[in-house]
Amino acid sequence: MKQQVLKVHPQDNVLVALTDLKAGQTVTYQGVDYVLVDDIDAKHKFYMTDMNAGDEVNMYGTLVGKVQFTVRAGSVMNTDNLKHAAAPYEYRPYRYSWQAPDVSKFVGRTFNGYHRADGKVGTANYWLFIPTVFCENRNLDVIREALHNELGYAVTAKYKSYTKHLVEAYKHGVDISSLEAPLSFEGTTTDRPFKNIDGIKFLNHQGGCGGIRQDAAVLSKLLAAYADHPNVAGVTVLSLGCQNLQVQDFTKDLKDRNPNFDKPMFIFEQQQSQSEENMIALAIKKTFEGLVEANKIERQPAPLSKMNVGVKCGGSDGFSGISANPAVGYCSDLLVGLGATVLLAEFPELCGAEQDLIDRTKDEVAAKKFISLMGAYSQAAENAGSGFHMNPSPGNIKDGLITDAIKSNGAAKKGGTSPVEDVLDYTEPSTKHGLNLVCTPGNDVEATTGKAASGATLILFTTGLGTPTGNPVCPVIKVSTNNALTKRMGDIIDINTGPVIEGEKTIEEMGEDILEYCIKAASGEIIPKSVLLNQDDFIPWKRGVSL
């Protein structure tokens, strides 16, 4: 019989419903009977004892909120009776002891990646188009349509075919409302002439001019990080000429980041060109020449220590911190045990988990850097009339994440249990193997954009509600928390951790499955759904208040 409820940590005073429960129902957990006062939907929590106003509620073994008025044991936790609260944190000398998991199954294993001159290994081989200013976005769109369609990277052929079908029906007087959309599309695809080029990517953005100069400076570092990314084989840059973000600023940041940068890079400035048409045609021609050379690069074996995996959650639900995130966390520990790099970001979603992360940070300077970044970020949110406590979305709350501390402590599980080796500000590159903390917003696209900038070559993205998010240069692997989501949105989900909730698999077994998938994805043997769908989301963070 499937377990009905779960106590996540021995110190918790709430239980999580694993299935829908009814008011008046008696639930037994570890020999104790609980009579439910309210209906408890799956993913939601109920109080184990009578609680009074001001009483602290613990989940994941730490403070996640305070009760607002008297509630009886068996009552549902909701936004009326519980408000966000998180424990204070401080620097304490490092005394953390960690036992790495058994990695014997993976010792000696390799993945087939693209080796770069600086020693890094990519999991894909992309050509990248970068605009230094939003004025060039339309030119990028024109080039994208031309190259994607002719070189076989477009995913729109099936939709064009369907639209053509509708047009023909309309011309022949057929009632369009009577035509049902097909359950699957069978559009034609163009053969790809460049077998070793995984895609041509475009970093359209809204920056580079018109904002404050600091925004342009941060954007320059971000674009330089993407040009230098291990998954990028070459770059075409389009500039207008008069914008805040000048080409020389971008190239300086690129050289500062990697003094030995040697990838092919073509730069075009529109205000110095003969015409827009001439510039676009020349950019296509030079890029084609670059693709010919980049196509000569082939995948070669690399040790798993060369992997750099970002971990992210979005569209989270009440099962995220119980199934997908801990399973990804175990995968993270396996990667660290194998000498690889793991990036944990989303600072607003580490609220309430700070002390654990500080205690696990080896270097005092890095620990205090984390404290400083978290404090400044939190204060900026409060100065704007908001705060980390406002991070949970309506969808999060509806599915059981009542306070930010509940959401955050579940989110932090993605990083596993290993020591923290380094703390990185936005766009800073990861240089140390092991677990790194990266300062980004919780916003799905801003966070994945930041992780790729710090060097992630794969991203494990957990979701309980379903989130169609990807990244232009870093394959994003979607990990579902539950069976229902996987069945409903299987077109975007790669891995299902629902068997953990059903009691069919352990966290450890699921974590090993996730690592096996990562190895195949890093080798190009499996293509994640976000890549197949060209979910190339890219949003630079302007360092304003974004949760």
Protein backbone atom coordinates (compact mmCIF):
# COMPACT_ATOMS: atom_id res chain seq x y z
CA MET A 1 0.00 0.00 0.00
CA LYS A 2 1.32 3.45 -0.94
CA GLN A 3 2.43 5.58 1.99
CA GLN A 4 -0.06 8.39 2.64
CA VAL A 5 2.11 10.94 4.42
CA LEU A 6 5.78 11.76 4.94
CA LYS A 7 7.79 13.50 7.63
CA VAL A 8 10.73 15.02 5.77
CA HIS A 9 13.05 15.51 8.77
CA PRO A 10 12.89 14.12 12.34
CA GLN A 11 12.68 17.67 13.78
CA ASP A 12 9.66 18.64 11.65
CA ASN A 13 6.26 19.30 13.22
CA VAL A 14 4.24 18.99 9.98
CA LEU A 15 3.48 16.03 7.73
CA VAL A 16 3.30 16.10 3.93
CA ALA A 17 0.34 14.46 2.17
CA LEU A 18 1.51 12.14 -0.62
CA THR A 19 -2.05 11.62 -1.80
CA ASP A 20 -5.37 13.45 -1.39
CA LEU A 21 -6.73 13.09 2.15
CA LYS A 22 -10.21 13.94 3.47
CA ALA A 23 -11.41 15.80 6.56
CA GLY A 24 -12.35 13.36 9.33
CA GLN A 25 -9.97 10.74 7.95
CA THR A 26 -7.54 9.12 10.40
CA VAL A 27 -3.96 8.91 9.17
CA THR A 28 -1.39 6.82 10.97
CA TYR A 29 2.30 7.69 10.81
CA GLN A 30 4.97 5.92 12.85
CA GLY A 31 2.36 4.52 15.22
CA VAL A 32 0.59 7.82 15.88
CA ASP A 33 -2.95 8.53 14.67
CA TYR A 34 -3.86 11.95 13.25
CA VAL A 35 -7.49 12.92 12.68
CA LEU A 36 -7.67 15.44 9.86
CA VAL A 37 -9.58 18.65 10.48
CA ASP A 38 -9.47 19.73 6.82
CA ASP A 39 -9.14 18.19 3.38
CA ILE A 40 -5.42 17.89 2.66
CA ASP A 41 -4.57 17.83 -1.03
CA ALA A 42 -1.52 15.89 -2.14
CA LYS A 43 1.67 18.00 -1.78
CA HIS A 44 0.18 20.05 1.09
CA LYS A 45 1.02 19.81 4.79
CA PHE A 46 -0.89 19.51 8.06
CA TYR A 47 0.09 20.29 11.64
CA MET A 48 1.05 17.35 13.87
CA THR A 49 0.08 19.10 17.11
CA ASP A 50 -2.13 21.95 18.29
CA MET A 51 -0.35 25.25 17.55
CA ASN A 52 -0.71 28.74 19.02
CA ALA A 53 0.00 32.18 17.57
CA GLY A 54 3.76 32.73 17.32
CA ASP A 55 4.67 29.04 17.43
CA GLU A 56 7.49 28.06 15.08
CA VAL A 57 6.95 25.56 12.29
CA ASN A 58 9.85 23.38 11.21
CA MET A 59 10.28 21.58 7.90
CA TYR A 60 13.48 20.12 6.45
CA GLY A 61 14.70 20.38 10.05
CA THR A 62 14.68 24.20 10.11
CA LEU A 63 12.39 27.16 10.72
CA VAL A 64 10.06 27.84 7.77
CA GLY A 65 7.30 29.97 9.30
CA LYS A 66 5.33 31.11 12.31
CA VAL A 67 1.70 30.32 13.11
CA GLN A 68 -0.62 33.35 13.05
CA PHE A 69 -3.45 32.05 15.25
CA THR A 70 -4.47 28.91 17.11
CA VAL A 71 -4.84 25.86 14.89
CA ARG A 72 -5.65 22.27 15.78
CA ALA A 73 -3.61 19.21 15.00
CA GLY A 74 -4.70 17.84 11.63
CA SER A 75 -5.37 21.32 10.19
CA VAL A 76 -4.04 22.21 6.75
CA MET A 77 -1.10 24.60 6.53
CA ASN A 78 -2.06 27.62 4.40
CA THR A 79 -1.19 31.27 3.81
CA ASP A 80 -3.76 32.40 6.38
CA ASN A 81 -2.43 30.46 9.37
CA LEU A 82 1.29 30.51 8.51
CA LYS A 83 3.63 33.35 7.52
CA HIS A 84 7.22 33.18 6.34
CA ALA A 85 9.99 33.12 8.92
CA ALA A 86 13.62 32.09 8.57
CA ALA A 87 16.41 31.57 11.07
CA PRO A 88 19.20 34.17 11.26
CA TYR A 89 22.60 33.16 9.95
CA GLU A 90 26.23 34.02 10.64
CA TYR A 91 29.72 32.91 9.79
CA ARG A 92 30.99 29.99 11.85
CA PRO A 93 34.41 28.35 11.40
CA TYR A 94 34.39 25.40 9.02
CA ARG A 95 33.96 22.06 10.79
CA TYR A 96 31.86 20.24 8.21
CA SER A 97 32.56 16.57 7.55
CA TRP A 98 31.32 14.94 4.35
CA GLN A 99 31.26 11.35 3.20
CA ALA A 100 31.04 11.14 -0.58
CA PRO A 101 28.57 8.59 -1.97
CA ASP A 102 29.72 5.37 -3.57
CA VAL A 103 30.81 6.33 -7.10
CA SER A 104 32.28 2.93 -8.04
CA LYS A 105 29.66 2.47 -10.80
CA PHE A 106 30.96 5.57 -12.55
CA VAL A 107 34.72 5.46 -11.96
CA GLY A 108 36.53 5.35 -15.29
CA ARG A 109 33.42 6.35 -17.24
CA THR A 110 33.70 9.03 -19.93
CA PHE A 111 31.45 11.20 -22.08
CA ASN A 112 32.05 12.23 -25.67
CA GLY A 113 32.44 15.98 -25.76
CA TYR A 114 34.01 18.81 -27.73
CA HIS A 115 37.51 19.57 -26.46
CA ARG A 116 38.54 23.24 -26.48
CA ALA A 117 42.02 24.75 -26.53
CA ASP A 118 41.73 25.97 -22.92
CA GLY A 119 41.16 22.42 -21.64
CA LYS A 120 37.41 22.73 -21.14
CA VAL A 121 35.06 20.23 -22.74
CA GLY A 122 31.70 21.14 -24.22
CA THR A 123 28.62 18.96 -24.39
CA ALA A 124 27.51 20.62 -27.64
CA ASN A 125 29.01 22.52 -30.58
CA TYR A 126 27.11 25.73 -31.33
CA TRP A 127 27.73 28.80 -33.45
CA LEU A 128 26.65 31.93 -31.60
CA PHE A 129 25.27 35.26 -32.85
CA ILE A 130 25.64 38.15 -30.39
CA PRO A 131 24.11 41.65 -30.73
CA THR A 132 25.84 44.31 -28.66
CA VAL A 133 22.58 46.29 -28.63
CA PHE A 134 18.87 45.60 -29.05
CA CYS A 135 18.87 47.67 -32.28
CA GLU A 136 20.39 44.63 -34.02
CA ASN A 137 17.70 42.17 -32.93
CA ARG A 138 15.74 42.46 -36.18
CA ASN A 139 18.85 41.77 -38.24
CA LEU A 140 19.47 38.69 -36.10
CA ASP A 141 15.90 37.55 -36.75
CA VAL A 142 16.43 37.85 -40.50
CA ILE A 143 19.66 35.88 -40.32
CA ARG A 144 18.09 33.27 -38.04
CA GLU A 145 15.26 32.61 -40.48
CA ALA A 146 17.69 32.27 -43.38
CA LEU A 147 20.22 30.01 -41.66
CA HIS A 148 17.82 27.89 -39.60
CA ASN A 149 15.61 27.05 -42.55
CA GLU A 150 18.38 26.28 -45.02
CA LEU A 151 20.73 24.49 -42.63
CA GLY A 152 18.09 22.32 -40.97
CA TYR A 153 17.92 23.85 -37.48
CA ALA A 154 14.36 25.22 -37.64
CA VAL A 155 11.58 23.57 -35.64
CA THR A 156 8.84 25.57 -37.34
CA ALA A 157 8.46 23.45 -40.50
CA LYS A 158 5.67 21.38 -38.93
CA TYR A 159 3.76 24.51 -37.91
CA LYS A 160 4.23 26.07 -41.33
CA SER A 161 2.85 22.89 -42.85
CA TYR A 162 -0.16 23.01 -40.54
CA THR A 163 -0.76 26.71 -41.32
CA LYS A 164 -0.58 25.94 -45.04
CA HIS A 165 -3.22 23.25 -44.51
CA LEU A 166 -5.49 25.82 -42.84
CA VAL A 167 -4.93 28.32 -45.66
CA GLU A 168 -5.82 25.75 -48.30
CA ALA A 169 -8.95 24.75 -46.40
CA TYR A 170 -9.98 28.41 -46.11
CA LYS A 171 -9.46 28.98 -49.84
CA HIS A 172 -11.72 26.03 -50.60
CA GLY A 173 -14.50 27.25 -48.32
CA VAL A 174 -13.98 24.67 -45.57
CA ASP A 175 -15.22 25.67 -42.11
CA ILE A 176 -11.94 26.12 -40.23
CA SER A 177 -13.61 25.63 -36.84
CA SER A 178 -14.40 22.06 -37.84
CA LEU A 179 -10.71 21.23 -38.34
CA GLU A 180 -9.01 19.81 -35.27
CA ALA A 181 -5.32 20.38 -34.67
CA PRO A 182 -3.41 17.10 -35.07
CA LEU A 183 -2.14 15.44 -31.91
CA SER A 184 1.29 15.34 -33.50
CA PHE A 185 2.82 17.18 -36.41
CA GLU A 186 4.74 15.47 -39.18
CA GLY A 187 6.36 18.44 -40.86
CA THR A 188 9.34 17.94 -43.09
CA THR A 189 12.81 18.77 -41.89
CA THR A 190 15.82 19.82 -43.89
CA ASP A 191 18.92 17.64 -43.82
CA ARG A 192 21.74 19.26 -41.90
CA PRO A 193 24.91 19.72 -44.00
CA PHE A 194 27.03 20.31 -40.88
CA LYS A 195 26.83 17.09 -38.91
CA ASN A 196 29.06 18.29 -36.08
CA ILE A 197 27.26 21.62 -35.54
CA ASP A 198 24.49 21.14 -33.00
CA GLY A 199 22.84 24.47 -33.67
CA ILE A 200 23.13 28.15 -34.53
CA LYS A 201 22.06 30.28 -31.59
CA PHE A 202 21.02 33.93 -31.26
CA LEU A 203 21.26 36.01 -28.08
CA ASN A 204 18.53 38.58 -28.73
CA HIS A 205 18.22 40.94 -25.75
CA GLN A 206 16.86 44.36 -24.80
CA GLY A 207 20.07 45.92 -23.52
CA GLY A 208 23.27 47.59 -24.69
CA CYS A 209 21.94 51.17 -24.68
CA GLY A 210 19.30 53.40 -23.15
CA GLY A 211 19.77 52.11 -19.62
CA ILE A 212 22.40 52.95 -17.04
CA ARG A 213 26.03 52.37 -17.99
CA GLN A 214 26.38 49.75 -15.26
CA ASP A 215 23.75 47.62 -17.03
CA ALA A 216 25.73 47.79 -20.25
CA ALA A 217 28.91 46.82 -18.36
CA VAL A 218 27.27 43.76 -16.82
CA LEU A 219 25.76 42.80 -20.18
CA SER A 220 29.20 43.01 -21.77
CA LYS A 221 30.60 40.54 -19.25
CA LEU A 222 27.62 38.25 -19.78
CA LEU A 223 28.01 38.23 -23.56
CA ALA A 224 31.75 37.64 -23.19
CA ALA A 225 31.00 34.66 -20.94
CA TYR A 226 28.74 33.18 -23.62
CA ALA A 227 31.32 33.73 -26.37
CA ASP A 228 33.86 31.92 -24.19
CA HIS A 229 31.47 29.08 -23.28
CA PRO A 230 32.79 25.53 -23.86
CA ASN A 231 29.70 24.69 -25.95
CA VAL A 232 30.43 27.53 -28.40
CA ALA A 233 32.65 26.91 -31.45
CA GLY A 234 32.56 30.40 -32.96
CA VAL A 235 30.87 33.78 -32.75
CA THR A 236 29.36 36.41 -35.05
CA VAL A 237 28.88 39.84 -33.44
CA LEU A 238 26.50 42.51 -34.78
CA SER A 239 26.90 46.07 -33.51
CA LEU A 240 25.13 49.30 -34.43
CA GLY A 241 28.03 51.58 -33.54
CA CYS A 242 26.73 54.39 -31.32
CA GLN A 243 25.42 52.31 -28.38
CA ASN A 244 26.64 52.30 -24.77
CA LEU A 245 28.08 48.80 -25.08
CA GLN A 246 30.91 49.36 -27.53
CA VAL A 247 32.59 46.50 -29.36
CA GLN A 248 35.92 47.32 -27.70
CA ASP A 249 34.28 46.95 -24.26
CA PHE A 250 33.00 43.51 -25.20
CA THR A 251 36.33 42.33 -26.65
CA LYS A 252 38.20 43.64 -23.58
CA ASP A 253 35.90 41.71 -21.26
CA LEU A 254 36.39 38.63 -23.42
CA LYS A 255 40.18 38.90 -23.22
CA ASP A 256 40.02 39.59 -19.47
CA ARG A 257 38.00 36.43 -19.03
CA ASN A 258 40.17 34.32 -21.32
CA PRO A 259 43.47 35.92 -22.45
CA ASN A 260 44.02 32.98 -24.82
CA PHE A 261 40.61 33.15 -26.51
CA ASP A 262 41.15 31.73 -29.99
CA LYS A 263 37.73 30.87 -31.40
CA PRO A 264 36.78 32.36 -34.77
CA MET A 265 34.86 35.61 -34.24
CA PHE A 266 33.43 37.91 -36.92
CA ILE A 267 32.36 41.46 -35.99
CA PHE A 268 30.07 43.67 -38.09
CA GLU A 269 29.17 47.28 -37.29
CA GLN A 270 26.11 48.54 -39.14
CA GLN A 271 26.95 52.25 -39.09
CA GLN A 272 30.23 51.44 -40.86
CA SER A 273 28.68 49.12 -43.47
CA GLN A 274 27.69 49.92 -47.07
CA SER A 275 24.08 48.97 -46.38
CA GLU A 276 22.01 46.77 -44.09
CA GLU A 277 21.55 44.28 -46.92
CA ASN A 278 25.30 44.15 -47.55
CA MET A 279 26.08 43.65 -43.85
CA ILE A 280 23.57 40.82 -43.45
CA ALA A 281 24.78 39.07 -46.58
CA LEU A 282 28.42 39.37 -45.50
CA ALA A 283 27.60 38.14 -41.97
CA ILE A 284 25.89 35.06 -43.44
CA LYS A 285 28.81 34.40 -45.79
CA LYS A 286 31.52 34.70 -43.12
CA THR A 287 29.48 32.65 -40.67
CA PHE A 288 29.06 29.92 -43.29
CA GLU A 289 32.84 29.86 -43.76
CA GLY A 290 33.23 29.58 -39.97
CA LEU A 291 30.71 26.73 -39.84
CA VAL A 292 32.73 24.82 -42.41
CA GLU A 293 35.75 24.94 -40.10
CA ALA A 294 33.81 24.35 -36.87
CA ASN A 295 32.20 21.30 -38.43
CA LYS A 296 35.64 19.63 -38.50
CA ILE A 297 35.58 19.38 -34.69
CA GLU A 298 34.38 15.97 -33.54
CA ARG A 299 33.36 14.54 -30.18
CA GLN A 300 36.13 12.83 -28.22
CA PRO A 301 36.10 10.96 -24.87
CA ALA A 302 36.53 13.04 -21.72
CA PRO A 303 36.51 12.08 -18.02
CA LEU A 304 33.37 12.86 -16.03
CA SER A 305 35.44 15.36 -14.02
CA LYS A 306 35.16 17.67 -17.05
CA MET A 307 31.39 17.96 -16.59
CA ASN A 308 29.96 21.23 -15.27
CA VAL A 309 26.30 20.84 -14.29
CA GLY A 310 23.97 23.60 -13.16
CA VAL A 311 20.99 22.66 -10.98
CA LYS A 312 17.76 24.67 -11.17
CA CYS A 313 14.09 24.40 -10.21
CA GLY A 314 11.10 26.20 -11.70
CA GLY A 315 7.36 25.76 -11.58
CA SER A 316 8.02 24.05 -8.25
CA ASP A 317 5.41 22.13 -6.27
CA GLY A 318 5.08 20.50 -2.87
CA PHE A 319 6.90 17.40 -4.13
CA SER A 320 9.94 19.29 -5.50
CA GLY A 321 11.84 19.10 -2.22
CA ILE A 322 10.87 15.45 -1.71
CA SER A 323 11.48 13.76 -5.06
CA ALA A 324 13.18 15.66 -7.90
CA ASN A 325 15.39 18.04 -5.92
CA PRO A 326 16.85 15.43 -3.54
CA ALA A 327 17.37 13.05 -6.49
CA VAL A 328 19.20 15.76 -8.41
CA GLY A 329 21.06 16.50 -5.17
CA TYR A 330 22.27 12.91 -4.98
CA CYS A 331 23.37 13.19 -8.61
CA SER A 332 25.22 16.38 -7.61
CA ASP A 333 27.02 14.51 -4.84
CA LEU A 334 28.00 11.76 -7.29
CA LEU A 335 29.39 14.38 -9.68
CA VAL A 336 31.37 16.07 -6.91
CA GLY A 337 32.67 12.67 -5.82
CA LEU A 338 33.89 12.16 -9.38
CA GLY A 339 35.72 15.49 -9.45
CA ALA A 340 33.15 17.39 -11.55
CA THR A 341 31.63 20.84 -10.98
CA VAL A 342 28.09 21.63 -9.79
CA LEU A 343 26.51 25.12 -9.80
CA LEU A 344 23.69 25.96 -7.35
CA ALA A 345 22.19 29.43 -7.82
CA GLU A 346 18.86 31.28 -7.22
CA PHE A 347 19.82 33.24 -4.10
CA PRO A 348 16.21 34.30 -3.24
CA GLU A 349 15.47 30.56 -3.11
CA LEU A 350 18.20 29.87 -0.56
CA CYS A 351 16.41 31.97 2.06
CA GLY A 352 16.25 29.92 5.26
CA ALA A 353 18.95 27.50 4.06
CA GLU A 354 21.81 30.00 4.48
CA GLN A 355 23.30 28.65 7.72
CA ASP A 356 23.67 25.13 6.35
CA LEU A 357 25.41 26.44 3.23
CA ILE A 358 27.67 28.77 5.23
CA ASP A 359 28.68 25.91 7.53
CA ARG A 360 29.54 23.83 4.46
CA THR A 361 31.70 26.54 2.84
CA LYS A 362 35.38 25.64 3.17
CA ASP A 363 36.91 29.07 2.64
CA GLU A 364 36.15 31.88 5.10
CA VAL A 365 36.41 34.53 2.38
CA ALA A 366 33.91 32.65 0.20
CA ALA A 367 31.54 32.14 3.16
CA LYS A 368 31.57 35.84 3.98
CA LYS A 369 31.12 36.68 0.30
CA PHE A 370 27.95 34.56 0.32
CA ILE A 371 26.71 36.38 3.43
CA SER A 372 27.42 39.76 1.82
CA LEU A 373 25.71 38.89 -1.47
CA MET A 374 22.65 37.45 0.28
CA GLY A 375 22.38 40.43 2.61
CA ALA A 376 22.69 43.00 -0.16
CA TYR A 377 20.21 41.15 -2.36
CA SER A 378 17.66 40.82 0.45
CA GLN A 379 18.05 44.48 1.43
CA ALA A 380 17.59 45.64 -2.17
CA ALA A 381 14.33 43.68 -2.36
CA GLU A 382 13.10 45.21 0.90
CA ASN A 383 14.10 48.71 -0.22
CA ALA A 384 11.84 48.22 -3.23
CA GLY A 385 8.92 47.33 -0.98
CA SER A 386 9.26 43.59 -1.55
CA GLY A 387 11.36 40.85 0.01
CA PHE A 388 12.39 37.22 -0.35
CA HIS A 389 9.18 36.27 1.47
CA MET A 390 7.28 37.29 -1.68
CA ASN A 391 9.15 34.83 -3.89
CA PRO A 392 6.62 31.95 -4.02
CA SER A 393 4.34 32.31 -7.06
CA PRO A 394 0.59 31.63 -7.00
CA GLY A 395 1.33 28.28 -8.64
CA ASN A 396 3.89 27.42 -5.95
CA ILE A 397 1.43 28.26 -3.17
CA LYS A 398 -1.46 26.40 -4.80
CA ASP A 399 0.68 23.26 -4.88
CA GLY A 400 1.91 23.39 -1.30
CA LEU A 401 4.85 25.83 -1.08
CA ILE A 402 3.31 28.17 1.47
CA THR A 403 6.38 30.22 2.49
CA ASP A 404 9.66 31.12 0.83
CA ALA A 405 11.57 29.22 3.52
CA ILE A 406 9.67 26.03 2.63
CA LYS A 407 10.34 26.59 -1.05
CA SER A 408 13.99 27.51 -0.43
CA ASN A 409 14.89 24.60 1.82
CA GLY A 410 13.41 22.24 -0.74
CA ALA A 411 15.20 24.05 -3.56
CA ALA A 412 18.56 23.84 -1.79
CA LYS A 413 18.32 20.04 -1.90
CA LYS A 414 19.38 20.20 -5.57
CA GLY A 415 22.91 21.05 -4.44
CA GLY A 416 23.31 17.83 -2.47
CA THR A 417 25.35 17.64 0.71
CA SER A 418 28.94 18.21 -0.40
CA PRO A 419 31.15 21.07 0.84
CA VAL A 420 30.86 24.44 -0.92
CA GLU A 421 34.10 25.11 -2.77
CA ASP A 422 33.42 28.63 -4.04
CA VAL A 423 30.90 31.48 -4.19
CA LEU A 424 30.50 33.35 -7.48
CA ASP A 425 28.88 36.66 -8.28
CA TYR A 426 26.81 37.00 -11.45
CA THR A 427 28.87 36.17 -14.62
CA GLU A 428 31.92 35.06 -12.63
CA PRO A 429 33.41 31.85 -14.11
CA SER A 430 33.64 28.68 -12.06
CA THR A 431 37.28 27.68 -11.62
CA LYS A 432 37.06 25.16 -8.79
CA HIS A 433 35.71 21.63 -9.05
CA GLY A 434 32.98 20.71 -6.59
CA LEU A 435 29.88 22.62 -5.46
CA ASN A 436 29.78 26.34 -6.32
CA LEU A 437 27.13 28.88 -5.30
CA VAL A 438 26.22 31.39 -8.04
CA CYS A 439 24.37 34.65 -7.36
CA THR A 440 21.36 34.84 -9.68
CA PRO A 441 17.66 35.61 -9.28
CA GLY A 442 15.18 32.78 -8.83
CA ASN A 443 13.53 33.80 -12.11
CA ASP A 444 13.83 30.73 -14.31
CA VAL A 445 15.39 32.30 -17.39
CA GLU A 446 17.58 34.82 -15.56
CA ALA A 447 18.91 31.95 -13.43
CA THR A 448 19.65 29.58 -16.32
CA THR A 449 21.21 32.50 -18.22
CA GLY A 450 23.50 33.13 -15.23
CA LYS A 451 24.44 29.48 -14.74
CA ALA A 452 25.56 29.16 -18.35
CA ALA A 453 27.63 32.34 -17.91
CA SER A 454 29.46 30.69 -15.01
CA GLY A 455 30.29 27.69 -17.17
CA ALA A 456 27.49 25.13 -16.85
CA THR A 457 27.52 22.83 -19.89
CA LEU A 458 24.35 21.00 -18.81
CA ILE A 459 21.51 22.18 -16.58
CA LEU A 460 19.24 19.87 -14.57
CA PHE A 461 15.94 21.71 -14.24
CA THR A 462 13.37 20.24 -11.84
CA THR A 463 9.68 21.14 -12.12
CA GLY A 464 6.44 20.07 -10.50
CA LEU A 465 4.05 22.23 -12.52
CA GLY A 466 5.80 22.18 -15.92
CA THR A 467 8.10 24.90 -17.27
CA PRO A 468 9.05 25.21 -20.97
CA THR A 469 12.45 26.82 -20.37
CA GLY A 470 15.75 26.24 -22.12
CA ASN A 471 19.01 28.02 -22.87
CA PRO A 472 20.74 28.91 -26.15
CA VAL A 473 24.12 27.30 -25.43
CA CYS A 474 23.54 24.98 -22.46
CA PRO A 475 21.23 21.95 -22.90
CA VAL A 476 18.53 22.01 -20.21
CA ILE A 477 17.26 18.66 -18.93
CA LYS A 478 13.75 18.74 -17.43
CA VAL A 479 13.15 16.59 -14.36
CA SER A 480 9.53 16.08 -13.27
CA THR A 481 8.59 15.67 -9.61
CA ASN A 482 5.52 13.53 -10.21
CA ASN A 483 3.88 11.04 -12.57
CA ALA A 484 0.86 13.22 -13.41
CA LEU A 485 3.01 16.04 -14.80
CA THR A 486 5.11 13.62 -16.83
CA LYS A 487 1.98 12.16 -18.39
CA ARG A 488 0.39 15.57 -19.05
CA MET A 489 3.47 17.39 -20.37
CA GLY A 490 5.64 14.57 -21.62
CA ASP A 491 6.65 16.65 -24.63
CA ILE A 492 8.88 18.81 -22.42
CA ILE A 493 9.90 16.32 -19.67
CA ASP A 494 13.08 14.23 -19.93
CA ILE A 495 13.23 12.43 -16.57
CA ASN A 496 10.43 11.46 -14.17
CA THR A 497 11.11 11.17 -10.43
CA GLY A 498 7.48 10.32 -9.70
CA PRO A 499 8.51 6.75 -8.77
CA VAL A 500 10.09 8.23 -5.62
CA ILE A 501 6.69 9.54 -4.49
CA GLU A 502 5.08 6.21 -5.36
CA GLY A 503 7.66 4.32 -3.29
CA GLU A 504 8.97 2.48 -6.35
CA LYS A 505 12.48 3.96 -6.33
CA THR A 506 14.83 5.43 -3.76
CA ILE A 507 16.42 8.87 -4.00
CA GLU A 508 19.78 7.16 -4.55
CA GLU A 509 18.51 4.99 -7.40
CA MET A 510 16.88 7.99 -9.04
CA GLY A 511 20.05 10.06 -8.64
CA GLU A 512 22.09 7.41 -10.43
CA ASP A 513 19.52 7.32 -13.23
CA ILE A 514 19.82 11.09 -13.61
CA LEU A 515 23.61 10.89 -13.87
CA GLU A 516 23.32 8.18 -16.53
CA TYR A 517 21.04 10.49 -18.51
CA CYS A 518 23.51 13.37 -18.09
CA ILE A 519 26.34 11.25 -19.50
CA LYS A 520 24.25 10.35 -22.54
CA ALA A 521 23.12 13.96 -23.04
CA ALA A 522 26.68 15.23 -22.68
CA SER A 523 27.72 12.76 -25.38
CA GLY A 524 24.97 13.74 -27.81
CA GLU A 525 23.40 10.27 -27.56
CA ILE A 526 20.19 11.78 -26.13
CA ILE A 527 18.86 15.21 -27.09
CA PRO A 528 16.91 16.90 -24.25
CA LYS A 529 13.40 18.05 -25.15
CA SER A 530 14.28 21.74 -24.59
CA VAL A 531 16.96 21.43 -27.29
CA LEU A 532 14.66 19.63 -29.70
CA LEU A 533 12.08 22.41 -29.23
CA ASN A 534 14.64 25.23 -29.61
CA GLN A 535 13.72 26.63 -26.21
CA ASP A 536 16.53 29.18 -26.37
CA ASP A 537 15.55 31.50 -23.52
CA PHE A 538 18.02 34.27 -22.65
CA ILE A 539 17.34 37.13 -20.21
CA PRO A 540 20.25 39.17 -18.84
CA TRP A 541 19.88 40.26 -15.21
CA LYS A 542 20.17 44.03 -14.81
CA ARG A 543 20.98 43.57 -11.11
CA GLY A 544 17.73 45.24 -10.13
CA VAL A 545 15.25 43.49 -7.83
CA SER A 546 14.23 40.23 -9.46
CA LEU A 547 13.04 37.33 -7.36
